[in-house]
Amino acid sequence: MDTLPPITRPPTIPESGGADPAIAPLPPPAALMDVMNRISDANVPAAEKINLVESARPGDADSMDKFGRALADSGYTPVTWEASDLRWAQDTPGNVLALVTLKTANPQARDFTFSMEFHVVDNSRQLTRRTFDSLLHLDEDAPAVPTPTPTP
């Protein structure tokens, strides 16, 4: 008579630390745009913006103020933000990718669209540090405007 192998329990699957992005609902675009509105608002004190950027520290306050001032100085205020094409990031679980468009009522400034990444933990959303650093350095990629030579 053949003996059957012993009955064993099925393997257990470890629980993940959070919701599976593949089945969890994406945050609403308005929640991501709230982050951008607060970061870009020159009237919001920098100390209140620290928690809006992933891994930000109090020493980053000057950079956060710089971003809002740069938008105002460039004629982009008042500014509104729109998000589209939201999807979970494949390489960083819990992060959301979105195409974000900066819109302004100023006819001399044009709309600007940028791919952004947001860190989502529980009910809080933050702009990733990598995305924020990229926003601060966008003007460095633009070609320098030559200075006119004065005529004698």
Protein backbone atom coordinates (compact mmCIF):
# COMPACT_ATOMS: atom_id res chain seq x y z
CA MET A 1 0.00 0.00 0.00
CA ASP A 2 1.28 3.45 -0.94
CA THR A 3 1.56 6.04 1.78
CA LEU A 4 0.37 9.53 1.08
CA PRO A 5 2.58 12.50 1.83
CA PRO A 6 1.79 14.26 5.10
CA ILE A 7 -0.71 17.08 4.99
CA THR A 8 0.97 20.43 5.34
CA ARG A 9 -0.35 23.93 5.70
CA PRO A 10 -0.29 26.16 2.63
CA PRO A 11 2.47 28.76 2.62
CA THR A 12 1.60 32.03 4.29
CA ILE A 13 1.94 35.29 2.43
CA PRO A 14 3.40 38.09 4.55
CA GLU A 15 1.22 41.12 4.96
CA SER A 16 2.45 44.26 3.26
CA GLY A 17 3.03 47.50 5.13
CA GLY A 18 0.21 49.26 3.30
CA ALA A 19 -2.39 48.98 0.58
CA ASP A 20 -1.39 47.28 -2.62
CA PRO A 21 -1.08 50.11 -5.16
CA ALA A 22 -2.40 47.80 -7.85
CA ILE A 23 -5.77 47.64 -6.11
CA ALA A 24 -5.79 50.72 -3.85
CA PRO A 25 -7.61 53.75 -5.19
CA LEU A 26 -5.44 56.59 -6.39
CA PRO A 27 -5.71 59.83 -4.43
CA PRO A 28 -7.99 62.40 -6.00
CA PRO A 29 -6.21 64.95 -8.24
CA ALA A 30 -7.47 67.75 -5.96
CA ALA A 31 -5.45 66.31 -3.05
CA LEU A 32 -2.24 66.47 -5.08
CA MET A 33 -3.05 69.95 -6.32
CA ASP A 34 -3.59 71.10 -2.74
CA VAL A 35 0.06 70.18 -2.10
CA MET A 36 1.17 72.23 -5.12
CA ASN A 37 -1.04 75.20 -4.20
CA ARG A 38 0.43 75.38 -0.72
CA ILE A 39 4.04 74.93 -1.88
CA SER A 40 3.71 77.64 -4.52
CA ASP A 41 1.83 80.16 -2.38
CA ALA A 42 4.30 82.88 -1.38
CA ASN A 43 1.91 83.88 1.43
CA VAL A 44 2.20 80.50 3.18
CA PRO A 45 5.13 80.57 5.63
CA ALA A 46 7.91 78.17 4.69
CA ALA A 47 7.71 76.49 8.10
CA GLU A 48 4.21 75.31 7.12
CA LYS A 49 5.52 73.86 3.84
CA ILE A 50 8.16 71.55 5.29
CA ASN A 51 5.72 68.63 5.61
CA LEU A 52 4.68 69.02 1.95
CA VAL A 53 7.99 67.78 0.54
CA GLU A 54 9.36 64.31 1.23
CA SER A 55 12.42 64.32 3.53
CA ALA A 56 12.34 68.11 3.86
CA ARG A 57 14.03 69.68 6.87
CA PRO A 58 13.75 73.16 8.39
CA GLY A 59 16.89 74.15 6.47
CA ASP A 60 14.93 73.69 3.22
CA ALA A 61 12.63 76.62 4.03
CA ASP A 62 14.60 79.07 1.89
CA SER A 63 14.21 76.83 -1.17
CA MET A 64 10.48 76.59 -0.58
CA ASP A 65 10.16 80.36 -0.35
CA LYS A 66 12.31 80.69 -3.47
CA PHE A 67 9.86 78.56 -5.48
CA GLY A 68 6.83 80.73 -4.61
CA ARG A 69 8.77 83.96 -5.20
CA ALA A 70 10.09 82.70 -8.55
CA LEU A 71 6.55 82.01 -9.75
CA ALA A 72 5.42 85.47 -8.66
CA ASP A 73 8.49 87.21 -10.11
CA SER A 74 8.02 85.39 -13.43
CA GLY A 75 4.42 86.54 -13.75
CA TYR A 76 2.81 83.16 -13.09
CA THR A 77 0.61 84.28 -10.21
CA PRO A 78 -2.20 83.79 -9.68
CA VAL A 79 -1.51 80.16 -10.51
CA THR A 80 -3.76 77.13 -10.65
CA TRP A 81 -2.65 73.52 -10.89
CA GLU A 82 -4.27 70.62 -12.74
CA ALA A 83 -3.32 66.94 -12.55
CA SER A 84 -4.02 64.28 -15.15
CA ASP A 85 -2.88 60.75 -16.00
CA LEU A 86 -2.48 59.68 -12.37
CA ARG A 87 -0.95 56.23 -11.92
CA TRP A 88 0.97 54.28 -9.31
CA ALA A 89 4.76 54.44 -9.72
CA GLN A 90 6.14 51.04 -10.68
CA ASP A 91 9.56 51.49 -9.09
CA THR A 92 8.46 53.09 -5.80
CA PRO A 93 5.42 51.46 -4.17
CA GLY A 94 3.11 54.03 -2.65
CA ASN A 95 4.20 56.86 -4.95
CA VAL A 96 1.89 58.40 -7.51
CA LEU A 97 2.96 59.82 -10.87
CA ALA A 98 0.94 62.59 -12.50
CA LEU A 99 1.17 65.04 -15.35
CA VAL A 100 0.77 68.38 -13.65
CA THR A 101 -0.03 71.58 -15.50
CA LEU A 102 0.61 75.02 -14.08
CA LYS A 103 -1.96 77.43 -15.47
CA THR A 104 -1.95 81.18 -15.13
CA ALA A 105 -4.34 83.96 -16.03
CA ASN A 106 -1.39 86.08 -17.16
CA PRO A 107 -1.55 86.20 -20.99
CA GLN A 108 2.19 86.88 -21.18
CA ALA A 109 3.08 83.62 -19.38
CA ARG A 110 2.30 80.27 -20.93
CA ASP A 111 1.00 77.09 -19.30
CA PHE A 112 3.63 74.64 -18.18
CA THR A 113 3.28 70.84 -17.89
CA PHE A 114 5.67 68.69 -15.87
CA SER A 115 5.70 65.05 -14.78
CA MET A 116 5.61 64.95 -10.98
CA GLU A 117 5.83 62.26 -8.36
CA PHE A 118 4.02 62.34 -5.02
CA HIS A 119 4.71 60.22 -1.96
CA VAL A 120 1.45 58.92 -0.46
CA VAL A 121 1.39 57.59 3.10
CA ASP A 122 -1.89 56.97 4.88
CA ASN A 123 -3.87 60.18 4.33
CA SER A 124 -0.93 62.50 3.66
CA ARG A 125 0.57 63.43 0.34
CA GLN A 126 3.98 64.95 -0.29
CA LEU A 127 5.82 66.05 -3.38
CA THR A 128 8.86 63.78 -3.69
CA ARG A 129 12.18 65.39 -2.93
CA ARG A 130 13.46 64.46 -6.40
CA THR A 131 10.55 66.27 -8.07
CA PHE A 132 10.88 69.35 -5.87
CA ASP A 133 14.62 69.59 -6.57
CA SER A 134 13.88 69.33 -10.31
CA LEU A 135 11.37 72.18 -10.10
CA LEU A 136 13.92 74.39 -8.39
CA HIS A 137 16.49 73.78 -11.12
CA LEU A 138 14.30 74.09 -14.23
CA ASP A 139 15.63 77.53 -15.09
CA GLU A 140 19.20 76.18 -15.08
CA ASP A 141 18.38 74.08 -18.16
CA ALA A 142 17.27 77.11 -20.15
CA PRO A 143 19.87 78.61 -22.48
CA ALA A 144 21.42 81.83 -21.25
CA VAL A 145 20.17 85.00 -22.89
CA PRO A 146 23.12 86.93 -24.31
CA THR A 147 23.70 90.36 -22.81
CA PRO A 148 23.59 93.11 -25.45
CA THR A 149 26.86 94.89 -26.06
CA PRO A 150 26.56 98.59 -25.29
CA THR A 151 27.11 100.87 -28.27
CA PRO A 152 29.78 103.58 -27.88
